Structure formats: structure tokens, C-alpha cells
């Protein structure tokens, strides 16, 4: 199992991971994949790779002295239950040991299960017309 930085050449393999999970269609349908690839270029991302297949992914951004924000975390359904999500989070923590690190989440149960605490909440100000 290899944990490494995402590179542009990984886009097709990452797409393969995202399309296998119905919860991630927002990023893969109706032309949104091309936009997401642009977002990846402006973010930092790590991949878990096994036998040339992406089985896990984390995307985050630095906000200067205000912390690190994790936006996306996904482990392939057939590889869950092995602490791979926690391994990805730990890799971000190791890369930024002196920063506050936050997760933007819509799966609070998972993050509570691995021992994270709630720090505020996110409110939607406006929905984009699509």
C-alpha cells in the first residue's frame, strides 16, 4: 500500500474511485469532473494506492495561519474498516504538525467514531442555481 501526493496524471484513477461511490456523483456527473480537476490543482491531496488502484483519497487546503481544512475524504467501500481514512487524516496531521486542522463534514458519525470533536458547524448561505 502506497500513500503519496496526488498528481495530475492520477486524475483518471481518482475518477475511478469517485464513480464507484454513489455519494460522490456531485463531482463526477454533468460536466462537474472537469471543474473538480481544477479544484484539485488548487488543493493538496493524498492518495492511498494498492496495486495501481486508488482506494483512498483526501483533499485539503491551507488557510495561512488560520489552519488546514480537509474538504474530501473517501475510502473505497470494499476497503473500509481498516482505518485507511484515519491513516489519511494522520498523514495530513504529520505534514502540518503546528497547524490547527479541521474537517468539513457531512458524515459526523464517522469522525466522532474515530475520536474527533465537533468545532462549530457550517451554514449554507446560498444555493447555487444549477
Protein backbone atom coordinates (compact mmCIF):
# COMPACT_ATOMS: atom_id res chain seq x y z
CA UNK A 1 0.00 0.00 0.00
CA UNK A 2 1.40 3.35 -1.07
CA UNK A 3 0.46 6.71 0.44
CA UNK A 4 1.51 9.55 -1.86
CA UNK A 5 0.73 13.02 -3.19
CA UNK A 6 -1.90 13.32 -5.92
CA UNK A 7 -0.51 14.26 -9.34
CA UNK A 8 -2.39 15.37 -12.45
CA UNK A 9 -1.56 12.02 -14.03
CA UNK A 10 -3.69 10.36 -11.28
CA UNK A 11 -6.93 12.02 -12.40
CA UNK A 12 -8.35 9.01 -14.25
CA UNK A 13 -7.63 6.66 -11.34
CA UNK A 14 -9.17 9.09 -8.86
CA UNK A 15 -12.22 9.39 -11.10
CA UNK A 16 -12.50 5.60 -10.94
CA UNK A 17 -12.66 5.75 -7.15
CA UNK A 18 -15.28 8.51 -7.11
CA UNK A 19 -17.63 6.90 -9.65
CA UNK A 20 -17.70 3.67 -7.61
CA UNK A 21 -19.43 5.53 -4.76
CA UNK A 22 -22.92 6.91 -5.43
CA UNK A 23 -22.45 9.59 -2.74
CA UNK A 24 -19.80 11.29 -4.92
CA UNK A 25 -21.81 11.85 -8.13
CA UNK A 26 -21.76 15.60 -7.48
CA UNK A 27 -18.10 15.51 -8.54
CA UNK A 28 -18.44 13.15 -11.50
CA UNK A 29 -21.64 13.95 -13.39
CA UNK A 30 -22.91 16.71 -15.68
CA UNK A 31 -19.50 18.14 -16.52
CA UNK A 32 -18.55 18.65 -12.89
CA UNK A 33 -15.50 16.38 -13.15
CA UNK A 34 -13.62 18.94 -15.27
CA UNK A 35 -14.37 21.60 -12.66
CA UNK A 36 -13.30 19.29 -9.85
CA UNK A 37 -9.97 18.64 -11.57
CA UNK A 38 -9.38 22.40 -11.46
CA UNK A 39 -10.17 22.40 -7.74
CA UNK A 40 -7.66 19.58 -7.26
CA UNK A 41 -5.00 21.80 -8.81
CA UNK A 42 -5.68 24.44 -6.13
CA UNK A 43 -5.65 21.94 -3.26
CA UNK A 44 -3.33 19.44 -1.67
CA UNK A 45 -4.38 15.82 -1.98
CA UNK A 46 -3.09 12.45 -0.90
CA UNK A 47 -3.89 9.04 -2.36
CA UNK A 48 -3.81 5.54 -0.96
CA UNK A 49 -2.85 3.24 -3.81
CA UNK A 50 -2.92 -0.55 -3.85
CA UNK A 51 -1.82 -2.50 -6.92
CA UNK A 52 -2.10 0.61 -9.13
CA UNK A 53 -5.69 1.29 -7.94
CA UNK A 54 -6.66 4.35 -5.89
CA UNK A 55 -8.50 3.02 -2.84
CA UNK A 56 -8.44 6.17 -0.69
CA UNK A 57 -8.24 9.92 -1.09
CA UNK A 58 -8.07 13.07 1.00
CA UNK A 59 -8.18 16.68 -0.26
CA UNK A 60 -7.33 19.69 1.86
CA UNK A 61 -6.32 23.34 1.73
CA UNK A 62 -4.11 25.55 3.82
CA UNK A 63 -5.61 28.78 5.14
CA UNK A 64 -2.43 30.59 6.09
CA UNK A 65 -2.05 30.93 9.86
CA UNK A 66 -5.72 30.01 10.37
CA UNK A 67 -5.38 26.27 9.86
CA UNK A 68 -5.76 23.39 7.48
CA UNK A 69 -9.21 22.43 6.17
CA UNK A 70 -9.98 18.91 4.98
CA UNK A 71 -12.74 19.02 2.37
CA UNK A 72 -12.88 15.48 1.00
CA UNK A 73 -12.13 12.06 2.43
CA UNK A 74 -13.10 8.84 0.68
CA UNK A 75 -12.10 5.21 1.08
CA UNK A 76 -13.42 2.65 -1.40
CA UNK A 77 -16.32 0.73 0.17
CA UNK A 78 -14.59 -2.64 -0.25
CA UNK A 79 -11.56 -1.34 1.69
CA UNK A 80 -13.34 0.28 4.63
CA UNK A 81 -12.88 -0.97 8.17
CA UNK A 82 -9.07 -0.95 8.06
CA UNK A 83 -8.52 2.60 9.42
CA UNK A 84 -7.45 3.90 5.99
CA UNK A 85 -9.47 7.09 6.45
CA UNK A 86 -7.73 7.71 9.77
CA UNK A 87 -4.40 6.97 8.10
CA UNK A 88 -5.09 9.68 5.52
CA UNK A 89 -6.07 12.18 8.22
CA UNK A 90 -2.96 11.29 10.22
CA UNK A 91 -0.81 11.93 7.13
CA UNK A 92 -2.22 15.48 6.90
CA UNK A 93 -1.51 15.97 10.61
CA UNK A 94 2.09 14.77 10.16
CA UNK A 95 2.58 17.14 7.23
CA UNK A 96 1.25 20.09 9.27
CA UNK A 97 2.21 19.39 12.90
CA UNK A 98 1.96 23.02 14.05
CA UNK A 99 -1.39 23.86 12.42
CA UNK A 100 -4.97 23.53 13.60
CA UNK A 101 -6.68 21.01 11.33
CA UNK A 102 -10.41 20.94 10.68
CA UNK A 103 -12.72 18.66 8.67
CA UNK A 104 -15.63 19.97 6.62
CA UNK A 105 -18.07 17.09 7.08
CA UNK A 106 -21.43 15.72 6.12
CA UNK A 107 -20.64 12.42 7.89
CA UNK A 108 -20.28 13.42 11.52
CA UNK A 109 -20.80 9.87 12.83
CA UNK A 110 -17.59 8.66 11.15
CA UNK A 111 -15.47 11.48 12.54
CA UNK A 112 -16.90 11.08 16.02
CA UNK A 113 -16.21 7.33 15.81
CA UNK A 114 -12.51 7.98 15.20
CA UNK A 115 -12.35 10.37 18.16
CA UNK A 116 -12.66 13.83 16.62
CA UNK A 117 -14.64 16.54 18.40
CA UNK A 118 -17.15 18.98 16.95
CA UNK A 119 -15.84 22.50 16.43
CA UNK A 120 -18.70 24.71 15.26
CA UNK A 121 -20.96 23.94 12.31
CA UNK A 122 -21.37 25.07 8.72
CA UNK A 123 -24.41 27.00 7.49
CA UNK A 124 -25.45 27.32 3.86
CA UNK A 125 -25.81 30.96 2.93
CA UNK A 126 -26.98 30.42 -0.62
CA UNK A 127 -27.60 27.53 -3.01
CA UNK A 128 -26.19 27.82 -6.50
CA UNK A 129 -28.66 27.56 -9.37
CA UNK A 130 -27.71 24.51 -11.40
